[in-house]
Amino acid sequence: NHGQNEIYRMLIATAPDLASIVNRRAVLPERIAENVAQEVALGNELANRLEAMHAALAALKAENVREIDVLAAKRLEMERELESFESGGQGHPMVDTKNLDSVASSCGKKRSRGD
């Protein structure tokens, strides 16, 4: 009797597998539907990940472009300053070094209302 119970339990545990072997034609449409559902889910997951990656890349590109613009502006400023030195100027092109003495002396004077 103990051996029959053991065989019975093994048969019950394997019943779904046995049923699919015996009636494979009935099980195939269900398995196909499950497979299609998994394909759709994986396709959706891929689309979501790609969308997130595109958004991250766009943000990275925008940040990179801003940093390049800042560096380019600094480079242009340094190039202008270098040109100023090479053309006989004494400093930053924004500061007119030729008029520094006159600006310094006029800073000490009070301006009259008519000026």
N, C-alpha and C. Protein backbone atom coordinates (compact mmCIF):
# COMPACT_ATOMS: atom_id res chain seq x y z
N ASN A 1 0.83 -1.20 0.00
CA ASN A 1 0.00 0.00 0.00
C ASN A 1 0.87 1.26 0.00
N HIS A 2 1.98 1.21 0.73
CA HIS A 2 2.89 2.34 0.77
C HIS A 2 3.46 2.64 -0.61
N GLY A 3 3.80 1.66 -1.37
CA GLY A 3 4.34 1.83 -2.72
C GLY A 3 3.32 2.43 -3.66
N GLN A 4 2.04 2.07 -3.51
CA GLN A 4 1.00 2.63 -4.38
C GLN A 4 0.81 4.12 -4.09
N ASN A 5 0.85 4.52 -2.83
CA ASN A 5 0.72 5.95 -2.48
C ASN A 5 1.87 6.76 -3.07
N GLU A 6 3.06 6.20 -3.04
CA GLU A 6 4.22 6.89 -3.59
C GLU A 6 4.08 7.07 -5.10
N ILE A 7 3.65 6.05 -5.78
CA ILE A 7 3.43 6.14 -7.23
C ILE A 7 2.33 7.14 -7.53
N TYR A 8 1.27 7.12 -6.74
CA TYR A 8 0.15 8.05 -6.94
C TYR A 8 0.64 9.49 -6.79
N ARG A 9 1.43 9.78 -5.76
CA ARG A 9 1.96 11.15 -5.55
C ARG A 9 2.85 11.57 -6.72
N MET A 10 3.65 10.68 -7.22
CA MET A 10 4.51 11.01 -8.37
C MET A 10 3.67 11.30 -9.60
N LEU A 11 2.61 10.54 -9.80
CA LEU A 11 1.74 10.78 -10.95
C LEU A 11 1.03 12.12 -10.84
N ILE A 12 0.54 12.45 -9.63
CA ILE A 12 -0.14 13.73 -9.42
C ILE A 12 0.83 14.88 -9.68
N ALA A 13 2.07 14.76 -9.21
CA ALA A 13 3.07 15.82 -9.39
C ALA A 13 3.41 16.03 -10.86
N THR A 14 3.38 14.96 -11.64
CA THR A 14 3.75 15.08 -13.05
C THR A 14 2.54 15.16 -13.97
N ALA A 15 1.37 15.27 -13.42
CA ALA A 15 0.14 15.29 -14.22
C ALA A 15 0.14 16.38 -15.29
N PRO A 16 0.53 17.64 -14.96
CA PRO A 16 0.52 18.66 -16.02
C PRO A 16 1.44 18.29 -17.18
N ASP A 17 2.63 17.76 -16.87
CA ASP A 17 3.55 17.36 -17.93
C ASP A 17 2.98 16.20 -18.73
N LEU A 18 2.36 15.27 -18.04
CA LEU A 18 1.77 14.12 -18.73
C LEU A 18 0.62 14.56 -19.61
N ALA A 19 -0.18 15.49 -19.11
CA ALA A 19 -1.31 15.97 -19.90
C ALA A 19 -0.83 16.66 -21.17
N SER A 20 0.26 17.39 -21.07
CA SER A 20 0.75 18.08 -22.26
C SER A 20 1.31 17.09 -23.27
N ILE A 21 1.82 16.00 -22.80
CA ILE A 21 2.31 14.98 -23.73
C ILE A 21 1.14 14.29 -24.41
N VAL A 22 0.15 13.98 -23.62
CA VAL A 22 -1.00 13.24 -24.14
C VAL A 22 -1.83 14.13 -25.06
N ASN A 23 -2.06 15.37 -24.68
CA ASN A 23 -2.94 16.24 -25.44
C ASN A 23 -2.17 17.49 -25.88
N ARG A 24 -1.09 17.30 -26.58
CA ARG A 24 -0.21 18.40 -26.99
C ARG A 24 -0.94 19.39 -27.90
N ARG A 25 -1.82 18.90 -28.73
CA ARG A 25 -2.55 19.78 -29.63
C ARG A 25 -3.38 20.79 -28.86
N ALA A 26 -3.95 20.42 -27.74
CA ALA A 26 -4.75 21.33 -26.93
C ALA A 26 -3.87 22.33 -26.17
N VAL A 27 -2.65 21.94 -25.82
CA VAL A 27 -1.76 22.78 -25.03
C VAL A 27 -1.00 23.80 -25.88
N LEU A 28 -0.73 23.48 -27.14
CA LEU A 28 0.08 24.35 -27.99
C LEU A 28 -0.48 25.77 -28.13
N PRO A 29 -1.76 25.98 -28.38
CA PRO A 29 -2.25 27.36 -28.50
C PRO A 29 -2.01 28.18 -27.23
N GLU A 30 -2.16 27.54 -26.07
CA GLU A 30 -1.92 28.23 -24.80
C GLU A 30 -0.44 28.61 -24.67
N ARG A 31 0.44 27.70 -25.02
CA ARG A 31 1.88 27.99 -24.96
C ARG A 31 2.27 29.05 -25.98
N ILE A 32 1.66 29.02 -27.14
CA ILE A 32 1.94 30.05 -28.16
C ILE A 32 1.52 31.42 -27.63
N ALA A 33 0.34 31.48 -27.01
CA ALA A 33 -0.15 32.75 -26.45
C ALA A 33 0.78 33.26 -25.35
N GLU A 34 1.27 32.36 -24.50
CA GLU A 34 2.22 32.75 -23.45
C GLU A 34 3.52 33.27 -24.07
N ASN A 35 3.96 32.60 -25.11
CA ASN A 35 5.19 33.01 -25.79
C ASN A 35 5.03 34.40 -26.41
N VAL A 36 3.90 34.63 -27.06
CA VAL A 36 3.63 35.94 -27.68
C VAL A 36 3.59 37.02 -26.61
N ALA A 37 2.96 36.73 -25.48
CA ALA A 37 2.89 37.70 -24.38
C ALA A 37 4.29 38.05 -23.87
N GLN A 38 5.16 37.05 -23.76
CA GLN A 38 6.53 37.31 -23.34
C GLN A 38 7.29 38.14 -24.37
N GLU A 39 7.06 37.84 -25.65
CA GLU A 39 7.70 38.62 -26.71
C GLU A 39 7.28 40.08 -26.63
N VAL A 40 5.98 40.32 -26.46
CA VAL A 40 5.46 41.68 -26.37
C VAL A 40 6.04 42.40 -25.16
N ALA A 41 6.09 41.70 -24.03
CA ALA A 41 6.63 42.30 -22.81
C ALA A 41 8.10 42.68 -22.99
N LEU A 42 8.88 41.79 -23.60
CA LEU A 42 10.29 42.09 -23.84
C LEU A 42 10.46 43.25 -24.82
N GLY A 43 9.61 43.27 -25.85
CA GLY A 43 9.67 44.39 -26.80
C GLY A 43 9.34 45.71 -26.13
N ASN A 44 8.34 45.72 -25.26
CA ASN A 44 7.98 46.93 -24.52
C ASN A 44 9.10 47.37 -23.59
N GLU A 45 9.70 46.40 -22.92
CA GLU A 45 10.82 46.71 -22.02
C GLU A 45 11.98 47.32 -22.79
N LEU A 46 12.28 46.75 -23.95
CA LEU A 46 13.35 47.29 -24.79
C LEU A 46 13.03 48.71 -25.24
N ALA A 47 11.80 48.94 -25.66
CA ALA A 47 11.39 50.28 -26.11
C ALA A 47 11.52 51.29 -24.97
N ASN A 48 11.11 50.90 -23.76
CA ASN A 48 11.22 51.80 -22.61
C ASN A 48 12.68 52.11 -22.28
N ARG A 49 13.51 51.09 -22.34
CA ARG A 49 14.94 51.31 -22.05
C ARG A 49 15.58 52.20 -23.10
N LEU A 50 15.24 51.97 -24.36
CA LEU A 50 15.79 52.81 -25.43
C LEU A 50 15.35 54.26 -25.27
N GLU A 51 14.09 54.46 -24.92
CA GLU A 51 13.59 55.83 -24.72
C GLU A 51 14.34 56.51 -23.59
N ALA A 52 14.57 55.79 -22.50
CA ALA A 52 15.32 56.36 -21.37
C ALA A 52 16.76 56.67 -21.78
N MET A 53 17.35 55.79 -22.57
CA MET A 53 18.72 56.03 -23.02
C MET A 53 18.80 57.23 -23.95
N HIS A 54 17.82 57.39 -24.83
CA HIS A 54 17.81 58.55 -25.73
C HIS A 54 17.67 59.84 -24.93
N ALA A 55 16.83 59.83 -23.90
CA ALA A 55 16.67 61.02 -23.06
C ALA A 55 17.97 61.33 -22.33
N ALA A 56 18.62 60.30 -21.81
CA ALA A 56 19.89 60.50 -21.11
C ALA A 56 20.96 61.02 -22.07
N LEU A 57 20.99 60.49 -23.28
CA LEU A 57 21.96 60.95 -24.28
C LEU A 57 21.70 62.41 -24.67
N ALA A 58 20.43 62.77 -24.81
CA ALA A 58 20.10 64.16 -25.17
C ALA A 58 20.55 65.11 -24.06
N ALA A 59 20.34 64.72 -22.81
CA ALA A 59 20.76 65.56 -21.69
C ALA A 59 22.28 65.67 -21.64
N LEU A 60 22.97 64.57 -21.88
CA LEU A 60 24.42 64.57 -21.89
C LEU A 60 24.95 65.44 -23.02
N LYS A 61 24.32 65.34 -24.18
CA LYS A 61 24.74 66.15 -25.32
C LYS A 61 24.55 67.64 -25.02
N ALA A 62 23.42 68.00 -24.44
CA ALA A 62 23.16 69.41 -24.12
C ALA A 62 24.19 69.93 -23.12
N GLU A 63 24.50 69.13 -22.11
CA GLU A 63 25.50 69.53 -21.12
C GLU A 63 26.86 69.69 -21.78
N ASN A 64 27.20 68.76 -22.65
CA ASN A 64 28.48 68.79 -23.34
C ASN A 64 28.58 70.02 -24.23
N VAL A 65 27.51 70.35 -24.94
CA VAL A 65 27.50 71.52 -25.82
C VAL A 65 27.70 72.80 -25.00
N ARG A 66 27.03 72.87 -23.82
CA ARG A 66 27.19 74.05 -22.95
C ARG A 66 28.64 74.18 -22.50
N GLU A 67 29.25 73.07 -22.09
CA GLU A 67 30.64 73.10 -21.64
C GLU A 67 31.58 73.49 -22.78
N ILE A 68 31.32 72.99 -23.98
CA ILE A 68 32.14 73.35 -25.14
C ILE A 68 32.01 74.83 -25.43
N ASP A 69 30.78 75.37 -25.33
CA ASP A 69 30.57 76.81 -25.57
C ASP A 69 31.35 77.65 -24.57
N VAL A 70 31.34 77.24 -23.30
CA VAL A 70 32.09 77.98 -22.28
C VAL A 70 33.57 77.94 -22.58
N LEU A 71 34.08 76.75 -22.91
CA LEU A 71 35.50 76.63 -23.24
C LEU A 71 35.87 77.43 -24.48
N ALA A 72 35.01 77.42 -25.49
CA ALA A 72 35.28 78.18 -26.71
C ALA A 72 35.31 79.68 -26.42
N ALA A 73 34.41 80.15 -25.56
CA ALA A 73 34.39 81.58 -25.20
C ALA A 73 35.68 81.95 -24.46
N LYS A 74 36.13 81.08 -23.55
CA LYS A 74 37.38 81.34 -22.83
C LYS A 74 38.56 81.37 -23.80
N ARG A 75 38.57 80.41 -24.74
CA ARG A 75 39.64 80.36 -25.72
C ARG A 75 39.67 81.63 -26.56
N LEU A 76 38.50 82.07 -27.02
CA LEU A 76 38.44 83.29 -27.83
C LEU A 76 38.95 84.50 -27.05
N GLU A 77 38.59 84.57 -25.79
CA GLU A 77 39.04 85.68 -24.96
C GLU A 77 40.57 85.66 -24.82
N MET A 78 41.12 84.45 -24.61
CA MET A 78 42.59 84.33 -24.49
C MET A 78 43.27 84.66 -25.82
N GLU A 79 42.68 84.23 -26.95
CA GLU A 79 43.25 84.55 -28.26
C GLU A 79 43.26 86.05 -28.51
N ARG A 80 42.18 86.72 -28.11
CA ARG A 80 42.13 88.18 -28.28
C ARG A 80 43.17 88.86 -27.41
N GLU A 81 43.32 88.36 -26.19
CA GLU A 81 44.33 88.93 -25.30
C GLU A 81 45.73 88.72 -25.88
N LEU A 82 45.97 87.53 -26.41
CA LEU A 82 47.27 87.25 -27.03
C LEU A 82 47.51 88.17 -28.22
N GLU A 83 46.48 88.37 -29.04
CA GLU A 83 46.60 89.29 -30.19
C GLU A 83 46.91 90.69 -29.72
N SER A 84 46.32 91.07 -28.60
CA SER A 84 46.57 92.41 -28.06
C SER A 84 48.03 92.55 -27.66
N PHE A 85 48.58 91.51 -27.00
CA PHE A 85 49.99 91.54 -26.63
C PHE A 85 50.87 91.59 -27.86
N GLU A 86 50.53 90.78 -28.85
CA GLU A 86 51.36 90.71 -30.06
C GLU A 86 51.31 91.99 -30.90
N SER A 87 50.20 92.71 -30.78
CA SER A 87 50.09 93.95 -31.55
C SER A 87 50.63 95.15 -30.78
N GLY A 88 51.30 94.89 -29.67
CA GLY A 88 51.93 95.98 -28.93
C GLY A 88 51.11 96.45 -27.75
N GLY A 89 49.99 95.87 -27.51
CA GLY A 89 49.17 96.23 -26.35
C GLY A 89 49.82 95.73 -25.07
N GLN A 90 49.35 96.23 -23.96
CA GLN A 90 49.96 95.87 -22.69
C GLN A 90 49.10 94.96 -21.82
N GLY A 91 47.91 94.62 -22.26
CA GLY A 91 47.09 93.81 -21.37
C GLY A 91 45.82 93.34 -22.03
N HIS A 92 44.86 93.14 -21.20
CA HIS A 92 43.56 92.63 -21.64
C HIS A 92 42.93 93.61 -22.61
N PRO A 93 42.37 93.14 -23.71
CA PRO A 93 41.81 94.06 -24.71
C PRO A 93 40.62 94.86 -24.19
N MET A 94 40.01 94.42 -23.13
CA MET A 94 38.87 95.16 -22.59
C MET A 94 39.34 96.40 -21.83
N VAL A 95 40.61 96.40 -21.42
CA VAL A 95 41.16 97.54 -20.68
C VAL A 95 42.06 98.31 -21.63
N ASP A 96 41.75 99.58 -21.82
CA ASP A 96 42.55 100.43 -22.70
C ASP A 96 43.74 100.94 -21.89
N THR A 97 44.89 100.27 -22.06
CA THR A 97 46.06 100.62 -21.26
C THR A 97 46.65 101.97 -21.65
N LYS A 98 46.36 102.47 -22.84
CA LYS A 98 46.91 103.76 -23.28
C LYS A 98 46.31 104.91 -22.47
N ASN A 99 45.07 104.74 -22.03
CA ASN A 99 44.39 105.81 -21.31
C ASN A 99 44.38 105.60 -19.80
N LEU A 100 45.14 104.63 -19.29
CA LEU A 100 45.12 104.36 -17.86
C LEU A 100 45.55 105.56 -17.04
N ASP A 101 46.60 106.27 -17.48
CA ASP A 101 47.09 107.43 -16.72
C ASP A 101 46.05 108.52 -16.67
N SER A 102 45.39 108.80 -17.79
CA SER A 102 44.39 109.85 -17.80
C SER A 102 43.16 109.44 -16.99
N VAL A 103 42.80 108.15 -17.02
CA VAL A 103 41.67 107.67 -16.22
C VAL A 103 42.02 107.76 -14.75
N ALA A 104 43.24 107.39 -14.37
CA ALA A 104 43.65 107.43 -12.98
C ALA A 104 43.67 108.86 -12.46
N SER A 105 44.18 109.79 -13.27
CA SER A 105 44.24 111.18 -12.81
C SER A 105 42.86 111.80 -12.73
N SER A 106 41.94 111.42 -13.63
CA SER A 106 40.60 111.99 -13.59
C SER A 106 39.78 111.40 -12.44
N CYS A 107 40.16 110.23 -11.94
CA CYS A 107 39.44 109.64 -10.82
C CYS A 107 39.63 110.47 -9.56
N GLY A 108 40.75 111.16 -9.44
CA GLY A 108 41.02 111.95 -8.25
C GLY A 108 40.33 113.30 -8.30
N LYS A 109 39.85 113.73 -9.44
CA LYS A 109 39.23 115.05 -9.58
C LYS A 109 37.73 114.95 -9.41
N LYS A 110 37.15 116.01 -8.84
CA LYS A 110 35.68 116.07 -8.75
C LYS A 110 35.17 116.62 -10.06
N ARG A 111 34.04 116.05 -10.49
CA ARG A 111 33.44 116.53 -11.72
C ARG A 111 32.47 117.64 -11.39
N SER A 112 32.46 118.65 -12.21
CA SER A 112 31.50 119.72 -11.99
C SER A 112 30.19 119.34 -12.63
N ARG A 113 29.10 120.05 -12.26
CA ARG A 113 27.78 119.74 -12.79
C ARG A 113 27.71 119.92 -14.29
N GLY A 114 28.50 120.75 -14.85
CA GLY A 114 28.47 121.02 -16.29
C GLY A 114 29.17 119.94 -17.08
N ASP A 115 29.96 119.07 -16.45
CA ASP A 115 30.70 118.02 -17.17
C ASP A 115 29.82 116.90 -17.59
